[in-house]
Amino acid sequence: AALKAAAEKAGVQHLTGTVTEVAPGRITARLGQAPG
């Protein structure tokens, strides 16, 4: 919980979603309620 709070205070952008594929410098994910 403290790590999450510290990350938020430091400006980390937290996205809820499922990553389906990674590549150097790129990820593909299903984010939140967004389609596709």
PDB file of all heavy atoms in Angstrom:
ATOM      1  N   ALA A   1       0.836  -1.207   0.000  1.00  0.00           N
ATOM      2  CA  ALA A   1       0.000   0.000   0.000  1.00  0.00           C
ATOM      3  C   ALA A   1       0.870   1.257   0.000  1.00  0.00           C
ATOM      4  O   ALA A   1       0.579   2.243  -0.703  1.00  0.00           O
ATOM      5  CB  ALA A   1      -0.937  -0.001   1.199  1.00  0.00           C
ATOM      6  N   ALA A   2       1.962   1.233   0.773  1.00  0.00           N
ATOM      7  CA  ALA A   2       2.859   2.384   0.806  1.00  0.00           C
ATOM      8  C   ALA A   2       3.564   2.570  -0.535  1.00  0.00           C
ATOM      9  O   ALA A   2       3.740   3.697  -1.011  1.00  0.00           O
ATOM     10  CB  ALA A   2       3.881   2.220   1.928  1.00  0.00           C
ATOM     11  N   LEU A   3       3.981   1.468  -1.162  1.00  0.00           N
ATOM     12  CA  LEU A   3       4.609   1.575  -2.481  1.00  0.00           C
ATOM     13  C   LEU A   3       3.657   2.196  -3.498  1.00  0.00           C
ATOM     14  O   LEU A   3       4.043   3.054  -4.301  1.00  0.00           O
ATOM     15  CB  LEU A   3       5.053   0.198  -2.961  1.00  0.00           C
ATOM     16  CG  LEU A   3       6.333  -0.383  -2.353  1.00  0.00           C
ATOM     17  CD1 LEU A   3       6.524  -1.825  -2.802  1.00  0.00           C
ATOM     18  CD2 LEU A   3       7.559   0.456  -2.732  1.00  0.00           C
ATOM     19  N   LYS A   4       2.394   1.768  -3.466  1.00  0.00           N
ATOM     20  CA  LYS A   4       1.414   2.330  -4.399  1.00  0.00           C
ATOM     21  C   LYS A   4       1.225   3.823  -4.154  1.00  0.00           C
ATOM     22  O   LYS A   4       1.153   4.622  -5.103  1.00  0.00           O
ATOM     23  CB  LYS A   4       0.085   1.598  -4.259  1.00  0.00           C
ATOM     24  CG  LYS A   4       0.090   0.183  -4.815  1.00  0.00           C
ATOM     25  CD  LYS A   4      -1.283  -0.449  -4.676  1.00  0.00           C
ATOM     26  CE  LYS A   4      -1.350  -1.804  -5.343  1.00  0.00           C
ATOM     27  NZ  LYS A   4      -2.695  -2.423  -5.240  1.00  0.00           N
ATOM     28  N   ALA A   5       1.150   4.207  -2.880  1.00  0.00           N
ATOM     29  CA  ALA A   5       0.975   5.626  -2.559  1.00  0.00           C
ATOM     30  C   ALA A   5       2.190   6.437  -2.987  1.00  0.00           C
ATOM     31  O   ALA A   5       2.059   7.551  -3.522  1.00  0.00           O
ATOM     32  CB  ALA A   5       0.721   5.788  -1.059  1.00  0.00           C
ATOM     33  N   ALA A   6       3.385   5.892  -2.772  1.00  0.00           N
ATOM     34  CA  ALA A   6       4.606   6.595  -3.156  1.00  0.00           C
ATOM     35  C   ALA A   6       4.688   6.738  -4.672  1.00  0.00           C
ATOM     36  O   ALA A   6       5.092   7.794  -5.186  1.00  0.00           O
ATOM     37  CB  ALA A   6       5.827   5.837  -2.630  1.00  0.00           C
ATOM     38  N   ALA A   7       4.321   5.691  -5.397  1.00  0.00           N
ATOM     39  CA  ALA A   7       4.351   5.756  -6.859  1.00  0.00           C
ATOM     40  C   ALA A   7       3.391   6.828  -7.369  1.00  0.00           C
ATOM     41  O   ALA A   7       3.724   7.613  -8.276  1.00  0.00           O
ATOM     42  CB  ALA A   7       3.995   4.388  -7.448  1.00  0.00           C
ATOM     43  N   GLU A   8       2.210   6.882  -6.784  1.00  0.00           N
ATOM     44  CA  GLU A   8       1.235   7.896  -7.199  1.00  0.00           C
ATOM     45  C   GLU A   8       1.762   9.305  -6.928  1.00  0.00           C
ATOM     46  O   GLU A   8       1.666  10.192  -7.780  1.00  0.00           O
ATOM     47  CB  GLU A   8      -0.087   7.671  -6.469  1.00  0.00           C
ATOM     48  CG  GLU A   8      -1.175   8.639  -6.882  1.00  0.00           C
ATOM     49  CD  GLU A   8      -2.496   8.383  -6.166  1.00  0.00           C
ATOM     50  OE1 GLU A   8      -2.580   7.425  -5.373  1.00  0.00           O
ATOM     51  OE2 GLU A   8      -3.436   9.159  -6.395  1.00  0.00           O
ATOM     52  N   LYS A   9       2.336   9.509  -5.741  1.00  0.00           N
ATOM     53  CA  LYS A   9       2.871  10.829  -5.395  1.00  0.00           C
ATOM     54  C   LYS A   9       4.023  11.225  -6.299  1.00  0.00           C
ATOM     55  O   LYS A   9       4.241  12.416  -6.570  1.00  0.00           O
ATOM     56  CB  LYS A   9       3.315  10.848  -3.934  1.00  0.00           C
ATOM     57  CG  LYS A   9       2.174  10.815  -2.933  1.00  0.00           C
ATOM     58  CD  LYS A   9       2.661  11.009  -1.504  1.00  0.00           C
ATOM     59  CE  LYS A   9       3.177  12.405  -1.275  1.00  0.00           C
ATOM     60  NZ  LYS A   9       3.477  12.679   0.148  1.00  0.00           N
ATOM     61  N   ALA A  10       4.774  10.227  -6.768  1.00  0.00           N
ATOM     62  CA  ALA A  10       5.920  10.514  -7.637  1.00  0.00           C
ATOM     63  C   ALA A  10       5.516  10.754  -9.084  1.00  0.00           C
ATOM     64  O   ALA A  10       6.359  11.067  -9.926  1.00  0.00           O
ATOM     65  CB  ALA A  10       6.926   9.364  -7.562  1.00  0.00           C
ATOM     66  N   GLY A  11       4.221  10.578  -9.386  1.00  0.00           N
ATOM     67  CA  GLY A  11       3.727  10.882 -10.725  1.00  0.00           C
ATOM     68  C   GLY A  11       3.568   9.689 -11.645  1.00  0.00           C
ATOM     69  O   GLY A  11       3.354   9.858 -12.851  1.00  0.00           O
ATOM     70  N   VAL A  12       3.638   8.478 -11.109  1.00  0.00           N
ATOM     71  CA  VAL A  12       3.445   7.294 -11.938  1.00  0.00           C
ATOM     72  C   VAL A  12       1.999   7.244 -12.431  1.00  0.00           C
ATOM     73  O   VAL A  12       1.058   7.420 -11.656  1.00  0.00           O
ATOM     74  CB  VAL A  12       3.779   6.011 -11.147  1.00  0.00           C
ATOM     75  CG1 VAL A  12       3.408   4.760 -11.956  1.00  0.00           C
ATOM     76  CG2 VAL A  12       5.253   5.991 -10.772  1.00  0.00           C
ATOM     77  N   GLN A  13       1.824   7.016 -13.718  1.00  0.00           N
ATOM     78  CA  GLN A  13       0.483   6.844 -14.281  1.00  0.00           C
ATOM     79  C   GLN A  13       0.107   5.368 -14.163  1.00  0.00           C
ATOM     80  O   GLN A  13       0.795   4.495 -14.687  1.00  0.00           O
ATOM     81  CB  GLN A  13       0.441   7.270 -15.748  1.00  0.00           C
ATOM     82  CG  GLN A  13      -0.944   7.115 -16.369  1.00  0.00           C
ATOM     83  CD  GLN A  13      -0.974   7.425 -17.857  1.00  0.00           C
ATOM     84  OE1 GLN A  13       0.048   7.315 -18.539  1.00  0.00           O
ATOM     85  NE2 GLN A  13      -2.126   7.820 -18.369  1.00  0.00           N
ATOM     86  N   HIS A  14      -0.988   5.096 -13.472  1.00  0.00           N
ATOM     87  CA  HIS A  14      -1.440   3.721 -13.270  1.00  0.00           C
ATOM     88  C   HIS A  14      -2.631   3.453 -14.170  1.00  0.00           C
ATOM     89  O   HIS A  14      -3.658   4.133 -14.091  1.00  0.00           O
ATOM     90  CB  HIS A  14      -1.823   3.487 -11.810  1.00  0.00           C
ATOM     91  CG  HIS A  14      -2.245   2.078 -11.519  1.00  0.00           C
ATOM     92  ND1 HIS A  14      -3.513   1.625 -11.762  1.00  0.00           N
ATOM     93  CD2 HIS A  14      -1.549   1.024 -11.010  1.00  0.00           C
ATOM     94  CE1 HIS A  14      -3.599   0.347 -11.416  1.00  0.00           C
ATOM     95  NE2 HIS A  14      -2.422  -0.040 -10.966  1.00  0.00           N
ATOM     96  N   LEU A  15      -2.502   2.450 -15.023  1.00  0.00           N
ATOM     97  CA  LEU A  15      -3.576   2.043 -15.910  1.00  0.00           C
ATOM     98  C   LEU A  15      -4.031   0.640 -15.535  1.00  0.00           C
ATOM     99  O   LEU A  15      -3.203  -0.249 -15.313  1.00  0.00           O
ATOM    100  CB  LEU A  15      -3.115   2.051 -17.377  1.00  0.00           C
ATOM    101  CG  LEU A  15      -2.625   3.387 -17.936  1.00  0.00           C
ATOM    102  CD1 LEU A  15      -2.167   3.210 -19.383  1.00  0.00           C
ATOM    103  CD2 LEU A  15      -3.701   4.462 -17.835  1.00  0.00           C
ATOM    104  N   THR A  16      -5.346   0.447 -15.480  1.00  0.00           N
ATOM    105  CA  THR A  16      -5.895  -0.873 -15.215  1.00  0.00           C
ATOM    106  C   THR A  16      -6.150  -1.574 -16.538  1.00  0.00           C
ATOM    107  O   THR A  16      -6.854  -1.042 -17.406  1.00  0.00           O
ATOM    108  CB  THR A  16      -7.206  -0.770 -14.424  1.00  0.00           C
ATOM    109  OG1 THR A  16      -6.945  -0.117 -13.181  1.00  0.00           O
ATOM    110  CG2 THR A  16      -7.779  -2.155 -14.145  1.00  0.00           C
ATOM    111  N   GLY A  17      -5.572  -2.735 -16.689  1.00  0.00           N
ATOM    112  CA  GLY A  17      -5.746  -3.460 -17.936  1.00  0.00           C
ATOM    113  C   GLY A  17      -4.922  -4.723 -17.969  1.00  0.00           C
ATOM    114  O   GLY A  17      -4.172  -5.019 -17.042  1.00  0.00           O
ATOM    115  N   THR A  18      -5.074  -5.453 -19.043  1.00  0.00           N
ATOM    116  CA  THR A  18      -4.363  -6.708 -19.223  1.00  0.00           C
ATOM    117  C   THR A  18      -3.462  -6.601 -20.443  1.00  0.00           C
ATOM    118  O   THR A  18      -3.941  -6.345 -21.560  1.00  0.00           O
ATOM    119  CB  THR A  18      -5.349  -7.872 -19.418  1.00  0.00           C
ATOM    120  OG1 THR A  18      -6.182  -7.969 -18.269  1.00  0.00           O
ATOM    121  CG2 THR A  18      -4.601  -9.189 -19.609  1.00  0.00           C
ATOM    122  N   VAL A  19      -2.174  -6.771 -20.216  1.00  0.00           N
ATOM    123  CA  VAL A  19      -1.216  -6.734 -21.320  1.00  0.00           C
ATOM    124  C   VAL A  19      -1.243  -8.082 -22.031  1.00  0.00           C
ATOM    125  O   VAL A  19      -1.142  -9.134 -21.401  1.00  0.00           O
ATOM    126  CB  VAL A  19       0.201  -6.417 -20.813  1.00  0.00           C
ATOM    127  CG1 VAL A  19       1.213  -6.483 -21.955  1.00  0.00           C
ATOM    128  CG2 VAL A  19       0.222  -5.022 -20.173  1.00  0.00           C
ATOM    129  N   THR A  20      -1.403  -8.048 -23.345  1.00  0.00           N
ATOM    130  CA  THR A  20      -1.482  -9.282 -24.124  1.00  0.00           C
ATOM    131  C   THR A  20      -0.199  -9.583 -24.884  1.00  0.00           C
ATOM    132  O   THR A  20       0.052 -10.739 -25.241  1.00  0.00           O
ATOM    133  CB  THR A  20      -2.649  -9.216 -25.115  1.00  0.00           C
ATOM    134  OG1 THR A  20      -2.485  -8.062 -25.970  1.00  0.00           O
ATOM    135  CG2 THR A  20      -3.984  -9.104 -24.380  1.00  0.00           C
ATOM    136  N   GLU A  21       0.595  -8.556 -25.135  1.00  0.00           N
ATOM    137  CA  GLU A  21       1.831  -8.770 -25.899  1.00  0.00           C
ATOM    138  C   GLU A  21       2.818  -7.662 -25.572  1.00  0.00           C
ATOM    139  O   GLU A  21       2.436  -6.501 -25.363  1.00  0.00           O
ATOM    140  CB  GLU A  21       1.541  -8.780 -27.404  1.00  0.00           C
ATOM    141  CG  GLU A  21       2.739  -9.119 -28.272  1.00  0.00           C
ATOM    142  CD  GLU A  21       2.395  -9.206 -29.753  1.00  0.00           C
ATOM    143  OE1 GLU A  21       1.206  -9.014 -30.089  1.00  0.00           O
ATOM    144  OE2 GLU A  21       3.305  -9.460 -30.564  1.00  0.00           O
ATOM    145  N   VAL A  22       4.082  -8.024 -25.519  1.00  0.00           N
ATOM    146  CA  VAL A  22       5.139  -7.031 -25.310  1.00  0.00           C
ATOM    147  C   VAL A  22       6.152  -7.161 -26.436  1.00  0.00           C
ATOM    148  O   VAL A  22       6.303  -8.217 -27.058  1.00  0.00           O
ATOM    149  CB  VAL A  22       5.839  -7.229 -23.944  1.00  0.00           C
ATOM    150  CG1 VAL A  22       4.871  -7.025 -22.799  1.00  0.00           C
ATOM    151  CG2 VAL A  22       6.509  -8.592 -23.851  1.00  0.00           C
ATOM    152  N   ALA A  23       6.830  -6.061 -26.680  1.00  0.00           N
ATOM    153  CA  ALA A  23       7.925  -6.023 -27.645  1.00  0.00           C
ATOM    154  C   ALA A  23       8.864  -4.918 -27.186  1.00  0.00           C
ATOM    155  O   ALA A  23       8.483  -4.072 -26.364  1.00  0.00           O
ATOM    156  CB  ALA A  23       7.394  -5.739 -29.054  1.00  0.00           C
ATOM    157  N   PRO A  24      10.101  -4.905 -27.655  1.00  0.00           N
ATOM    158  CA  PRO A  24      10.994  -3.815 -27.262  1.00  0.00           C
ATOM    159  C   PRO A  24      10.377  -2.451 -27.551  1.00  0.00           C
ATOM    160  O   PRO A  24      10.017  -2.140 -28.687  1.00  0.00           O
ATOM    161  CB  PRO A  24      12.238  -4.079 -28.119  1.00  0.00           C
ATOM    162  CG  PRO A  24      12.235  -5.562 -28.328  1.00  0.00           C
ATOM    163  CD  PRO A  24      10.785  -5.909 -28.481  1.00  0.00           C
ATOM    164  N   GLY A  25      10.167  -1.677 -26.490  1.00  0.00           N
ATOM    165  CA  GLY A  25       9.628  -0.337 -26.644  1.00  0.00           C
ATOM    166  C   GLY A  25       8.148  -0.261 -26.930  1.00  0.00           C
ATOM    167  O   GLY A  25       7.642   0.817 -27.252  1.00  0.00           O
ATOM    168  N   ARG A  26       7.412  -1.368 -26.748  1.00  0.00           N
ATOM    169  CA  ARG A  26       5.993  -1.328 -27.100  1.00  0.00           C
ATOM    170  C   ARG A  26       5.234  -2.425 -26.355  1.00  0.00           C
ATOM    171  O   ARG A  26       5.740  -3.517 -26.151  1.00  0.00           O
ATOM    172  CB  ARG A  26       5.823  -1.520 -28.603  1.00  0.00           C
ATOM    173  CG  ARG A  26       4.395  -1.581 -29.083  1.00  0.00           C
ATOM    174  CD  ARG A  26       4.346  -1.649 -30.604  1.00  0.00           C
ATOM    175  NE  ARG A  26       5.154  -2.742 -31.129  1.00  0.00           N
ATOM    176  CZ  ARG A  26       4.747  -4.014 -31.174  1.00  0.00           C
ATOM    177  NH1 ARG A  26       3.558  -4.355 -30.701  1.00  0.00           N
ATOM    178  NH2 ARG A  26       5.529  -4.949 -31.688  1.00  0.00           N
ATOM    179  N   ILE A  27       3.996  -2.117 -25.971  1.00  0.00           N
ATOM    180  CA  ILE A  27       3.113  -3.135 -25.395  1.00  0.00           C
ATOM    181  C   ILE A  27       1.738  -3.014 -26.041  1.00  0.00           C
ATOM    182  O   ILE A  27       1.343  -1.944 -26.521  1.00  0.00           O
ATOM    183  CB  ILE A  27       2.995  -3.016 -23.856  1.00  0.00           C
ATOM    184  CG1 ILE A  27       2.285  -1.708 -23.438  1.00  0.00           C
ATOM    185  CG2 ILE A  27       4.360  -3.092 -23.192  1.00  0.00           C
ATOM    186  CD1 ILE A  27       0.816  -1.866 -23.130  1.00  0.00           C
ATOM    187  N   THR A  28       1.023  -4.119 -26.035  1.00  0.00           N
ATOM    188  CA  THR A  28      -0.365  -4.145 -26.481  1.00  0.00           C
ATOM    189  C   THR A  28      -1.207  -4.608 -25.306  1.00  0.00           C
ATOM    190  O   THR A  28      -0.872  -5.603 -24.654  1.00  0.00           O
ATOM    191  CB  THR A  28      -0.549  -5.104 -27.669  1.00  0.00           C
ATOM    192  OG1 THR A  28       0.329  -4.703 -28.726  1.00  0.00           O
ATOM    193  CG2 THR A  28      -1.988  -5.076 -28.169  1.00  0.00           C
ATOM    194  N   ALA A  29      -2.297  -3.876 -25.018  1.00  0.00           N
ATOM    195  CA  ALA A  29      -3.088  -4.192 -23.836  1.00  0.00           C
ATOM    196  C   ALA A  29      -4.558  -3.896 -24.066  1.00  0.00           C
ATOM    197  O   ALA A  29      -4.924  -3.061 -24.904  1.00  0.00           O
ATOM    198  CB  ALA A  29      -2.583  -3.387 -22.634  1.00  0.00           C
ATOM    199  N   ARG A  30      -5.384  -4.585 -23.293  1.00  0.00           N
ATOM    200  CA  ARG A  30      -6.800  -4.234 -23.182  1.00  0.00           C
ATOM    201  C   ARG A  30      -6.939  -3.389 -21.927  1.00  0.00           C
ATOM    202  O   ARG A  30      -6.717  -3.880 -20.815  1.00  0.00           O
ATOM    203  CB  ARG A  30      -7.661  -5.497 -23.092  1.00  0.00           C
ATOM    204  CG  ARG A  30      -7.648  -6.337 -24.372  1.00  0.00           C
ATOM    205  CD  ARG A  30      -8.676  -7.471 -24.294  1.00  0.00           C
ATOM    206  NE  ARG A  30      -8.349  -8.406 -23.235  1.00  0.00           N
ATOM    207  CZ  ARG A  30      -7.577  -9.471 -23.394  1.00  0.00           C
ATOM    208  NH1 ARG A  30      -7.027  -9.734 -24.580  1.00  0.00           N
ATOM    209  NH2 ARG A  30      -7.337 -10.285 -22.380  1.00  0.00           N
ATOM    210  N   LEU A  31      -7.314  -2.128 -22.098  1.00  0.00           N
ATOM    211  CA  LEU A  31      -7.323  -1.184 -20.992  1.00  0.00           C
ATOM    212  C   LEU A  31      -8.742  -0.869 -20.541  1.00  0.00           C
ATOM    213  O   LEU A  31      -9.580  -0.458 -21.354  1.00  0.00           O
ATOM    214  CB  LEU A  31      -6.625   0.113 -21.394  1.00  0.00           C
ATOM    215  CG  LEU A  31      -5.147   0.001 -21.771  1.00  0.00           C
ATOM    216  CD1 LEU A  31      -4.599   1.364 -22.182  1.00  0.00           C
ATOM    217  CD2 LEU A  31      -4.339  -0.576 -20.604  1.00  0.00           C
ATOM    218  N   GLY A  32      -8.998  -1.055 -19.241  1.00  0.00           N
ATOM    219  CA  GLY A  32     -10.276  -0.675 -18.662  1.00  0.00           C
ATOM    220  C   GLY A  32     -11.453  -1.212 -19.444  1.00  0.00           C
ATOM    221  O   GLY A  32     -11.521  -2.378 -19.807  1.00  0.00           O
ATOM    222  N   GLN A  33     -12.404  -0.318 -19.719  1.00  0.00           N
ATOM    223  CA  GLN A  33     -13.608  -0.675 -20.473  1.00  0.00           C
ATOM    224  C   GLN A  33     -13.493  -0.360 -21.952  1.00  0.00           C
ATOM    225  O   GLN A  33     -14.455  -0.518 -22.706  1.00  0.00           O
ATOM    226  CB  GLN A  33     -14.806   0.086 -19.883  1.00  0.00           C
ATOM    227  CG  GLN A  33     -15.038  -0.150 -18.396  1.00  0.00           C
ATOM    228  CD  GLN A  33     -15.302  -1.616 -18.093  1.00  0.00           C
ATOM    229  OE1 GLN A  33     -16.058  -2.268 -18.802  1.00  0.00           O
ATOM    230  NE2 GLN A  33     -14.676  -2.127 -17.038  1.00  0.00           N
ATOM    231  N   ALA A  34     -12.307   0.083 -22.371  1.00  0.00           N
ATOM    232  CA  ALA A  34     -12.138   0.466 -23.774  1.00  0.00           C
ATOM    233  C   ALA A  34     -12.254  -0.765 -24.673  1.00  0.00           C
ATOM    234  O   ALA A  34     -11.734  -1.829 -24.346  1.00  0.00           O
ATOM    235  CB  ALA A  34     -10.779   1.133 -23.963  1.00  0.00           C
ATOM    236  N   PRO A  35     -12.927  -0.632 -25.809  1.00  0.00           N
ATOM    237  CA  PRO A  35     -13.039  -1.770 -26.736  1.00  0.00           C
ATOM    238  C   PRO A  35     -11.707  -2.035 -27.429  1.00  0.00           C
ATOM    239  O   PRO A  35     -10.883  -1.138 -27.630  1.00  0.00           O
ATOM    240  CB  PRO A  35     -14.101  -1.298 -27.734  1.00  0.00           C
ATOM    241  CG  PRO A  35     -13.997   0.191 -27.709  1.00  0.00           C
ATOM    242  CD  PRO A  35     -13.624   0.569 -26.303  1.00  0.00           C
ATOM    243  N   GLY A  36     -11.488  -3.277 -27.798  1.00  0.00           N
ATOM    244  CA  GLY A  36     -10.295  -3.620 -28.551  1.00  0.00           C
ATOM    245  C   GLY A  36      -9.033  -3.485 -27.715  1.00  0.00           C
ATOM    246  O   GLY A  36      -9.059  -3.516 -26.491  1.00  0.00           O
TER     247      GLY A  36
END
